[in-house]
Amino acid sequence: MMHRLFITLLAAVFSLPLLAADVKLTELTDLETDAVHANNQDVPILVMFSASYCGYCSIVKDDFLKPMLLSGEYSDKVIIRVLEIDGDDDIRDIDGKLIDPAVIAERYNVQLTPTLAFVDANGKELSEKMIGLTTVDFYGGYLDEAISHSLMQIRGNSTLTQNTLISTPRL
């Protein structure tokens, strides 16, 4: 009996990456609509700036963002979108105008991928961007901290001080 339980638990652990592989990240196509949803839910928008040639982007997507979506623990904390900066399709901006993805990357001074930006419904940055992927072991913690910081900015928690924000190592 104990042997079956162990086998079942082992199978469940090894199937988690397969489940995350089935999760689809939503591409940023309509920032105007996402901003309305973010405003209504009082949550930030996490925009992952990615590129088709970026191997580290796949790691961030597969090892962090997809499991976050799969867990369901972030549905009331953040809207997650992926913007392929080298994509061909224009994006609807907050003001409703269609613009090239590279223009949005320039707006947020994105020079490397992956970069995660945390913005409010007006497009204002709420937390320090996470640039690159240098410390995989701590990346999830930095990501949670940036989301929490962004949520506190939106929801008006005045007890947060700059000292509580963990700085993210940079490339």
Protein backbone atom coordinates (compact mmCIF):
# COMPACT_ATOMS: atom_id res chain seq x y z
CA MET A 1 0.00 0.00 0.00
CA MET A 2 2.77 2.44 0.94
CA HIS A 3 4.61 1.49 -2.24
CA ARG A 4 1.59 2.49 -4.39
CA LEU A 5 1.30 5.83 -2.62
CA PHE A 6 4.98 6.53 -3.24
CA ILE A 7 4.64 5.62 -6.94
CA THR A 8 1.53 7.82 -7.27
CA LEU A 9 3.27 10.79 -5.63
CA LEU A 10 6.36 10.28 -7.76
CA ALA A 11 4.26 10.19 -10.93
CA ALA A 12 2.48 13.39 -9.87
CA VAL A 13 5.76 15.23 -9.27
CA PHE A 14 7.16 14.22 -12.65
CA SER A 15 3.95 15.14 -14.47
CA LEU A 16 3.98 18.78 -13.26
CA PRO A 17 6.33 19.97 -16.03
CA LEU A 18 4.08 18.25 -18.57
CA LEU A 19 1.04 20.06 -17.18
CA ALA A 20 2.86 23.39 -17.36
CA ALA A 21 3.75 22.65 -20.98
CA ASP A 22 0.02 22.56 -21.76
CA VAL A 23 -0.53 26.03 -20.26
CA LYS A 24 -0.72 28.77 -22.87
CA LEU A 25 0.63 32.21 -22.10
CA THR A 26 -1.43 35.07 -23.49
CA GLU A 27 0.35 37.28 -25.97
CA LEU A 28 -0.02 41.01 -25.59
CA THR A 29 -2.24 42.10 -28.47
CA ASP A 30 -4.59 44.65 -26.89
CA LEU A 31 -3.09 46.72 -24.09
CA GLU A 32 -6.19 48.92 -24.04
CA THR A 33 -8.44 45.99 -23.05
CA ASP A 34 -5.86 44.57 -20.64
CA ALA A 35 -5.62 47.98 -18.96
CA VAL A 36 -9.41 48.06 -18.45
CA HIS A 37 -9.29 44.59 -16.85
CA ALA A 38 -6.31 45.58 -14.68
CA ASN A 39 -8.14 48.70 -13.52
CA ASN A 40 -11.33 46.78 -12.73
CA GLN A 41 -9.44 44.09 -10.81
CA ASP A 42 -6.95 46.45 -9.10
CA VAL A 43 -4.00 44.40 -10.33
CA PRO A 44 -0.82 45.17 -12.26
CA ILE A 45 0.00 43.94 -15.74
CA LEU A 46 3.19 41.93 -16.01
CA VAL A 47 4.55 42.37 -19.52
CA MET A 48 7.26 39.91 -20.46
CA PHE A 49 9.32 41.33 -23.29
CA SER A 50 10.47 38.32 -25.26
CA ALA A 51 12.02 37.56 -28.64
CA SER A 52 11.83 34.58 -30.95
CA TYR A 53 15.61 34.07 -30.74
CA CYS A 54 15.79 34.25 -26.92
CA GLY A 55 16.51 30.93 -25.22
CA TYR A 56 16.35 32.45 -21.75
CA CYS A 57 12.84 33.68 -22.55
CA SER A 58 11.71 30.07 -22.92
CA ILE A 59 13.09 29.28 -19.47
CA VAL A 60 11.20 32.19 -17.89
CA LYS A 61 8.01 31.17 -19.67
CA ASP A 62 8.25 27.43 -18.97
CA ASP A 63 9.77 27.45 -15.49
CA PHE A 64 8.09 30.51 -13.97
CA LEU A 65 5.16 32.08 -15.83
CA LYS A 66 3.37 28.91 -16.93
CA PRO A 67 3.56 27.31 -13.46
CA MET A 68 2.24 30.58 -12.00
CA LEU A 69 -0.79 30.36 -14.28
CA LEU A 70 -1.20 26.65 -13.61
CA SER A 71 -1.22 27.19 -9.84
CA GLY A 72 -4.14 29.63 -9.99
CA GLU A 73 -2.56 31.59 -7.12
CA TYR A 74 -1.89 34.66 -9.25
CA SER A 75 -5.27 35.13 -10.96
CA ASP A 76 -6.25 37.87 -8.51
CA LYS A 77 -2.75 39.36 -8.27
CA VAL A 78 -1.51 40.05 -11.80
CA ILE A 79 -2.40 39.94 -15.49
CA ILE A 80 0.41 38.19 -17.36
CA ARG A 81 1.12 39.04 -21.00
CA VAL A 82 3.99 38.22 -23.35
CA LEU A 83 5.14 40.72 -25.96
CA GLU A 84 7.33 39.36 -28.74
CA ILE A 85 9.38 42.45 -29.58
CA ASP A 86 10.33 41.02 -32.97
CA GLY A 87 6.72 40.13 -33.81
CA ASP A 88 5.08 41.28 -37.03
CA ASP A 89 1.64 42.14 -35.67
CA ASP A 90 0.84 45.59 -34.35
CA ILE A 91 -0.38 45.92 -30.78
CA ARG A 92 -3.37 47.99 -29.67
CA ASP A 93 -1.89 50.52 -27.26
CA ILE A 94 -3.57 51.90 -24.14
CA ASP A 95 -4.99 54.79 -26.18
CA GLY A 96 -6.45 52.39 -28.77
CA LYS A 97 -3.93 53.15 -31.52
CA LEU A 98 -2.10 50.31 -33.28
CA ILE A 99 1.66 50.39 -32.80
CA ASP A 100 4.65 48.17 -33.52
CA PRO A 101 5.80 45.94 -30.61
CA ALA A 102 9.27 47.51 -30.83
CA VAL A 103 7.73 50.90 -29.97
CA ILE A 104 6.39 49.51 -26.70
CA ALA A 105 9.80 48.00 -25.95
CA GLU A 106 11.39 51.42 -26.57
CA ARG A 107 8.83 53.10 -24.31
CA TYR A 108 9.96 50.93 -21.41
CA ASN A 109 13.63 51.11 -22.38
CA VAL A 110 13.86 47.37 -22.97
CA GLN A 111 17.22 46.49 -24.46
CA LEU A 112 17.54 42.83 -23.44
CA THR A 113 15.22 39.88 -23.37
CA PRO A 114 13.78 38.55 -21.24
CA THR A 115 12.65 41.67 -19.43
CA LEU A 116 9.64 41.76 -17.15
CA ALA A 117 7.90 45.08 -16.62
CA PHE A 118 5.15 45.66 -14.07
CA VAL A 119 2.72 48.40 -15.09
CA ASP A 120 -0.60 49.82 -13.96
CA ALA A 121 -3.69 50.48 -16.06
CA ASN A 122 -2.15 53.73 -17.32
CA GLY A 123 1.09 52.05 -18.40
CA LYS A 124 3.10 53.52 -15.51
CA GLU A 125 5.85 51.26 -14.18
CA LEU A 126 5.17 50.12 -10.63
CA SER A 127 8.27 48.13 -9.78
CA GLU A 128 11.81 47.78 -10.98
CA LYS A 129 12.04 45.79 -14.21
CA MET A 130 13.52 42.32 -14.04
CA ILE A 131 16.17 42.16 -16.75
CA GLY A 132 17.70 38.92 -17.90
CA LEU A 133 17.87 35.61 -16.09
CA THR A 134 20.99 35.46 -13.98
CA THR A 135 19.94 33.67 -10.80
CA VAL A 136 17.41 30.95 -11.55
CA ASP A 137 17.37 29.79 -7.91
CA PHE A 138 16.14 33.19 -6.71
CA TYR A 139 14.17 34.31 -9.78
CA GLY A 140 10.80 33.13 -8.43
CA GLY A 141 11.35 35.04 -5.20
CA TYR A 142 12.30 38.21 -7.06
CA LEU A 143 9.24 37.78 -9.27
CA ASP A 144 6.91 37.35 -6.29
CA GLU A 145 8.44 40.39 -4.62
CA ALA A 146 7.95 42.55 -7.73
CA ILE A 147 4.33 41.43 -8.04
CA SER A 148 3.68 42.14 -4.35
CA HIS A 149 5.34 45.54 -4.62
CA SER A 150 3.26 46.37 -7.70
CA LEU A 151 0.05 45.26 -5.99
CA MET A 152 0.82 47.44 -2.99
CA GLN A 153 1.45 50.40 -5.30
CA ILE A 154 -1.95 49.93 -6.92
CA ARG A 155 -3.91 49.15 -3.80
CA GLY A 156 -2.37 52.02 -1.84
CA ASN A 157 -0.51 50.20 0.90
CA SER A 158 1.55 53.03 2.34
CA THR A 159 3.47 50.76 4.71
CA LEU A 160 5.77 49.55 1.95
CA THR A 161 9.15 51.19 1.99
CA GLN A 162 11.89 51.03 -0.59
CA ASN A 163 13.94 48.92 1.85
CA THR A 164 11.51 46.01 1.58
CA LEU A 165 12.05 45.59 -2.14
CA ILE A 166 14.64 42.97 -2.98
CA SER A 167 16.87 44.29 -5.72
CA THR A 168 17.18 42.04 -8.74
CA PRO A 169 20.70 41.17 -9.91
CA ARG A 170 21.40 42.53 -13.35
CA LEU A 171 23.38 41.22 -16.28
